[in-house]
Structure formats: C-alpha cells, structure tokens
Protein backbone atom coordinates (compact mmCIF):
# COMPACT_ATOMS: atom_id res chain seq x y z
CA UNK A 1 -0.18 -0.14 -0.13
CA UNK A 2 1.24 3.35 -0.87
CA UNK A 3 0.16 6.66 0.28
CA UNK A 4 -0.35 9.47 -2.25
CA UNK A 5 -0.99 13.31 -1.98
CA UNK A 6 -3.93 13.68 -4.42
CA UNK A 7 -3.74 17.60 -4.03
CA UNK A 8 -0.06 17.49 -5.14
CA UNK A 9 -1.11 15.30 -8.28
CA UNK A 10 -3.91 17.58 -8.86
CA UNK A 11 -1.96 20.90 -8.94
CA UNK A 12 0.61 19.68 -11.02
CA UNK A 13 -1.83 18.81 -13.63
CA UNK A 14 -3.71 22.04 -13.42
CA UNK A 15 -0.51 24.10 -13.59
CA UNK A 16 0.64 22.17 -16.66
CA UNK A 17 -2.61 22.90 -18.37
CA UNK A 18 -3.00 26.34 -17.42
CA UNK A 19 1.02 27.48 -18.11
CA UNK A 20 0.32 26.35 -21.83
CA UNK A 21 -1.57 29.38 -22.28
CA UNK A 22 0.65 31.64 -20.23
CA UNK A 23 3.76 33.64 -21.27
CA UNK A 24 5.96 33.41 -18.39
CA UNK A 25 9.23 31.61 -17.32
CA UNK A 26 8.38 27.60 -17.38
CA UNK A 27 11.86 26.48 -16.28
CA UNK A 28 12.20 23.78 -13.76
CA UNK A 29 12.76 25.94 -10.61
CA UNK A 30 9.88 28.39 -11.46
CA UNK A 31 7.41 25.39 -11.88
CA UNK A 32 8.56 23.96 -8.45
CA UNK A 33 8.03 27.32 -6.87
CA UNK A 34 4.43 27.58 -8.68
CA UNK A 35 3.58 24.25 -7.15
CA UNK A 36 4.90 24.82 -3.96
CA UNK A 37 3.15 28.08 -3.40
CA UNK A 38 -0.09 26.81 -4.63
CA UNK A 39 0.00 23.49 -2.53
CA UNK A 40 0.48 25.65 0.51
CA UNK A 41 -2.62 27.49 0.00
CA UNK A 42 -4.46 23.84 -0.44
CA UNK A 43 -5.41 21.20 1.99
CA UNK A 44 -3.30 18.18 1.76
CA UNK A 45 -5.26 15.08 0.71
CA UNK A 46 -3.63 11.76 1.17
CA UNK A 47 -5.19 8.72 -0.12
CA UNK A 48 -3.97 5.15 0.00
CA UNK A 49 -3.83 3.15 -3.35
CA UNK A 50 -5.19 0.11 -1.72
CA UNK A 51 -7.96 -1.65 -3.75
CA UNK A 52 -8.02 0.79 -6.70
CA UNK A 53 -9.65 3.36 -4.32
CA UNK A 54 -7.33 6.27 -5.44
CA UNK A 55 -9.13 7.23 -8.63
CA UNK A 56 -12.59 7.33 -7.20
CA UNK A 57 -11.19 9.56 -4.21
CA UNK A 58 -9.33 11.60 -6.74
CA UNK A 59 -12.22 12.23 -8.76
CA UNK A 60 -14.32 13.17 -5.49
CA UNK A 61 -11.73 15.51 -4.34
CA UNK A 62 -11.12 17.27 -7.61
CA UNK A 63 -14.65 18.23 -8.03
CA UNK A 64 -15.14 19.39 -4.46
CA UNK A 65 -11.93 21.55 -4.66
CA UNK A 66 -11.82 22.61 -8.32
CA UNK A 67 -12.37 26.50 -7.87
CA UNK A 68 -9.91 26.47 -4.92
CA UNK A 69 -7.09 24.50 -7.13
CA UNK A 70 -7.92 27.00 -9.98
CA UNK A 71 -7.50 30.08 -7.70
CA UNK A 72 -4.46 28.87 -5.95
CA UNK A 73 -2.57 27.67 -9.34
CA UNK A 74 -3.45 31.03 -10.86
CA UNK A 75 -1.98 33.13 -7.89
CA UNK A 76 0.98 30.84 -7.64
CA UNK A 77 1.53 31.66 -11.45
CA UNK A 78 1.07 35.29 -11.00
CA UNK A 79 3.42 35.54 -7.81
CA UNK A 80 6.22 33.39 -9.34
CA UNK A 81 6.11 35.39 -12.79
CA UNK A 82 6.25 38.77 -11.17
CA UNK A 83 9.13 37.67 -8.78
CA UNK A 84 10.91 34.60 -10.09
CA UNK A 85 13.78 33.15 -7.73
CA UNK A 86 16.40 33.19 -10.55
CA UNK A 87 17.76 35.98 -12.58
C-alpha cells in the first residue's frame, strides 16, 4: 500500500494545463516554486492506493476543490512570474 497526496497530483496537472496558455518562465525552478506556492494554500489530501480506491477518491476531491485549486494555481503563477527566484 502506498500513500499519495492527491492534491499534489491535481495541482501539477492543473499547472501544466494553465501554463500552456501563459507567457511566463516555465523553467523547472519556476514550476517547482509555483507548485509549492499553490500547495501551501490548499489542504493536503492523502489517499491510499489500496484496492484501486485512488481514482474514485481523486475524482471526488477534484470536484469538491476545483475552484480552490484553480485560484491557488493562478495566484502562484502570477506571484512567481512577477518575482522569479532566479535572474
């Protein structure tokens, strides 16, 4: 049995989706900073992968937290774009 932070998976997917249409730095460091900022604004959601329950739980959590995830990711992109941690 493995534990997975569903919120981390969801934020990474949402970030990738939104960044396709953004004109900002997309280097590994900036993406990690964006991910960290967004995750710090959202509740951690761990699920176990036991018996394949991960996907049903994932769908439920994404629907419940969809707006919050979008807002956290958009704010993280904006913040890191304005103040990247590199030159």
